[in-house]
Structures are given as structure tokens and as C-alpha cells.
C-alpha atoms as a PDB file:
ATOM      1  CA  MET A   1     -70.673 -86.557  66.376  1.00  0.00           C
ATOM      2  CA  LYS A   2     -68.818 -83.240  66.766  1.00  0.00           C
ATOM      3  CA  HIS A   3     -71.032 -81.025  67.487  1.00  0.00           C
ATOM      4  CA  THR A   4     -72.702 -77.956  69.346  1.00  0.00           C
ATOM      5  CA  LEU A   5     -76.171 -77.499  70.346  1.00  0.00           C
ATOM      6  CA  PRO A   6     -78.091 -75.178  72.738  1.00  0.00           C
ATOM      7  CA  ALA A   7     -78.783 -76.307  75.737  1.00  0.00           C
ATOM      8  CA  THR A   8     -82.416 -76.093  75.217  1.00  0.00           C
ATOM      9  CA  LYS A   9     -82.154 -78.311  72.785  1.00  0.00           C
ATOM     10  CA  VAL A  10     -80.002 -80.948  74.459  1.00  0.00           C
ATOM     11  CA  ARG A  11     -82.668 -80.937  76.832  1.00  0.00           C
ATOM     12  CA  ALA A  12     -85.770 -82.088  74.723  1.00  0.00           C
ATOM     13  CA  GLN A  13     -82.745 -84.590  73.310  1.00  0.00           C
ATOM     14  CA  PHE A  14     -81.154 -85.807  76.247  1.00  0.00           C
ATOM     15  CA  PHE A  15     -81.725 -89.741  76.172  1.00  0.00           C
ATOM     16  CA  SER A  16     -80.746 -89.923  72.689  1.00  0.00           C
ATOM     17  CA  LEU A  17     -77.337 -87.131  73.203  1.00  0.00           C
ATOM     18  CA  ILE A  18     -76.278 -89.578  75.828  1.00  0.00           C
ATOM     19  CA  GLU A  19     -76.652 -93.163  73.872  1.00  0.00           C
ATOM     20  CA  ASP A  20     -74.626 -90.973  70.321  1.00  0.00           C
ATOM     21  CA  THR A  21     -71.992 -89.235  72.539  1.00  0.00           C
ATOM     22  CA  ASP A  22     -71.213 -92.989  74.541  1.00  0.00           C
ATOM     23  CA  HIS A  23     -68.534 -93.963  71.821  1.00  0.00           C
ATOM     24  CA  PRO A  24     -64.924 -92.561  71.949  1.00  0.00           C
ATOM     25  CA  GLY A  25     -63.862 -89.237  70.483  1.00  0.00           C
ATOM     26  CA  LYS A  26     -67.616 -88.289  70.229  1.00  0.00           C
ATOM     27  CA  PHE A  27     -68.569 -84.878  72.724  1.00  0.00           C
ATOM     28  CA  LEU A  28     -70.993 -82.350  72.132  1.00  0.00           C
ATOM     29  CA  THR A  29     -71.061 -79.424  73.386  1.00  0.00           C
ATOM     30  CA  VAL A  30     -73.268 -77.912  75.174  1.00  0.00           C
ATOM     31  CA  THR A  31     -74.158 -73.824  75.038  1.00  0.00           C
ATOM     32  CA  VAL A  32     -76.272 -71.414  76.846  1.00  0.00           C
ATOM     33  CA  GLY A  33     -76.965 -67.688  75.073  1.00  0.00           C
ATOM     34  CA  GLY A  34     -74.639 -69.146  72.112  1.00  0.00           C
ATOM     35  CA  GLU A  35     -71.533 -69.639  74.787  1.00  0.00           C
ATOM     36  CA  PRO A  36     -69.600 -72.828  75.452  1.00  0.00           C
ATOM     37  CA  LYS A  37     -70.668 -74.112  79.070  1.00  0.00           C
ATOM     38  CA  VAL A  38     -69.822 -77.841  79.011  1.00  0.00           C
ATOM     39  CA  VAL A  39     -69.290 -80.639  77.167  1.00  0.00           C
ATOM     40  CA  MET A  40     -70.725 -83.764  76.839  1.00  0.00           C
ATOM     41  CA  MET A  41     -68.287 -87.563  76.734  1.00  0.00           C
ATOM     42  CA  SER A  42     -68.603 -90.690  77.646  1.00  0.00           C
ATOM     43  CA  ALA A  43     -67.769 -91.338  80.779  1.00  0.00           C
ATOM     44  CA  SER A  44     -64.230 -93.699  79.166  1.00  0.00           C
ATOM     45  CA  ASP A  45     -63.027 -90.541  77.474  1.00  0.00           C
ATOM     46  CA  PHE A  46     -63.657 -88.386  80.443  1.00  0.00           C
ATOM     47  CA  GLU A  47     -61.104 -90.962  83.048  1.00  0.00           C
ATOM     48  CA  GLY A  48     -58.851 -90.955  79.935  1.00  0.00           C
ATOM     49  CA  TRP A  49     -58.438 -87.246  79.866  1.00  0.00           C
ATOM     50  CA  GLN A  50     -58.182 -87.123  83.547  1.00  0.00           C
ATOM     51  CA  GLU A  51     -55.433 -89.907  83.448  1.00  0.00           C
ATOM     52  CA  THR A  52     -53.751 -87.858  81.113  1.00  0.00           C
ATOM     53  CA  LEU A  53     -53.632 -85.178  83.024  1.00  0.00           C
ATOM     54  CA  GLU A  54     -52.793 -86.803  85.277  1.00  0.00           C
ATOM     55  CA  ILE A  55     -49.711 -88.318  84.325  1.00  0.00           C
ATOM     56  CA  MET A  56     -48.373 -84.569  82.820  1.00  0.00           C
ATOM     57  CA  ALA A  57     -49.075 -82.681  85.732  1.00  0.00           C
ATOM     58  CA  ASP A  58     -46.195 -85.335  87.884  1.00  0.00           C
ATOM     59  CA  LYS A  59     -43.121 -83.439  86.221  1.00  0.00           C
ATOM     60  CA  GLU A  60     -40.596 -86.384  87.580  1.00  0.00           C
ATOM     61  CA  LEU A  61     -42.524 -88.819  85.139  1.00  0.00           C
ATOM     62  CA  MET A  62     -43.074 -86.795  82.490  1.00  0.00           C
ATOM     63  CA  GLN A  63     -39.037 -86.306  82.307  1.00  0.00           C
ATOM     64  CA  ASP A  64     -38.888 -90.102  82.654  1.00  0.00           C
ATOM     65  CA  ILE A  65     -40.494 -90.410  79.820  1.00  0.00           C
ATOM     66  CA  ARG A  66     -38.738 -87.807  77.149  1.00  0.00           C
ATOM     67  CA  GLU A  67     -35.949 -89.712  78.323  1.00  0.00           C
ATOM     68  CA  ALA A  68     -37.235 -92.711  77.296  1.00  0.00           C
ATOM     69  CA  MET A  69     -38.170 -90.852  74.177  1.00  0.00           C
ATOM     70  CA  LYS A  70     -34.808 -90.213  73.154  1.00  0.00           C
ATOM     71  CA  GLU A  71     -33.756 -93.684  73.930  1.00  0.00           C
ATOM     72  CA  VAL A  72     -36.246 -95.009  71.315  1.00  0.00           C
ATOM     73  CA  ASN A  73     -34.927 -92.263  69.510  1.00  0.00           C
ATOM     74  CA  SER A  74     -31.171 -93.305  69.296  1.00  0.00           C
ATOM     75  CA  GLY A  75     -31.430 -96.875  68.638  1.00  0.00           C
ATOM     76  CA  LYS A  76     -30.610 -97.889  72.116  1.00  0.00           C
ATOM     77  CA  LEU A  77     -33.436-100.320  73.209  1.00  0.00           C
ATOM     78  CA  VAL A  78     -33.227-103.666  71.714  1.00  0.00           C
ATOM     79  CA  SER A  79     -35.643-106.659  70.809  1.00  0.00           C
ATOM     80  CA  HIS A  80     -37.363-109.085  72.879  1.00  0.00           C
ATOM     81  CA  GLU A  81     -35.597-111.893  71.975  1.00  0.00           C
ATOM     82  CA  GLU A  82     -32.247-110.279  72.643  1.00  0.00           C
ATOM     83  CA  VAL A  83     -33.913-109.810  76.016  1.00  0.00           C
ATOM     84  CA  LYS A  84     -34.186-113.465  76.372  1.00  0.00           C
ATOM     85  CA  LYS A  85     -31.581-114.616  74.835  1.00  0.00           C
ATOM     86  CA  MET A  86     -29.161-112.368  76.777  1.00  0.00           C
ATOM     87  CA  LEU A  87     -31.219-113.303  80.332  1.00  0.00           C
ATOM     88  CA  LYS A  88     -30.875-116.966  78.527  1.00  0.00           C
ATOM     89  CA  LEU A  89     -34.546-117.325  79.068  1.00  0.00           C
END
């Protein structure tokens, strides 16, 4: 469910819309006077967005991620089995 409804319809269908949007990837844009005002989504999706924004705001962490991605793309990584052999596990 990815659609838009006016607040008056949301009010009339509120509890069923809670059930409809309480699934990953489903959200509802609520309009007032034809203008988007708020979005209804599951709490787990909202928490995921918050975590993503926090990660993206951390410049050091983002740099670490970029460097790790370069290593992945350069082929410098070794498999789990190779690490175990190197550590004699």
C-alpha cells in the first residue's frame, strides 16, 4: 500500500489503515487541503529510517563504509574459511 488519502477519509478508516500500514514497505501519505502533511508507516520501518539517517549523519562511519566497499570491490577480502585457516581454527 503506497497511496495518498485526505485526512477526512483517514479519520473514518483510521484503525483499518493502521493494520494496512503495519507491514514493511507499506505507507500512507495523509493530505490536508490536497497538500501532503504526514506519512503513516509501521513503527519498524520508521525506526529503520531513523537508523539509516543516523548512520548517514556520522561522517567517520560513512568514510569507514566507503573504504570497506572499496576493499570489497578490489578483491582484497578473504573468505571465512581462509580466515579460519590463517588463525589455525
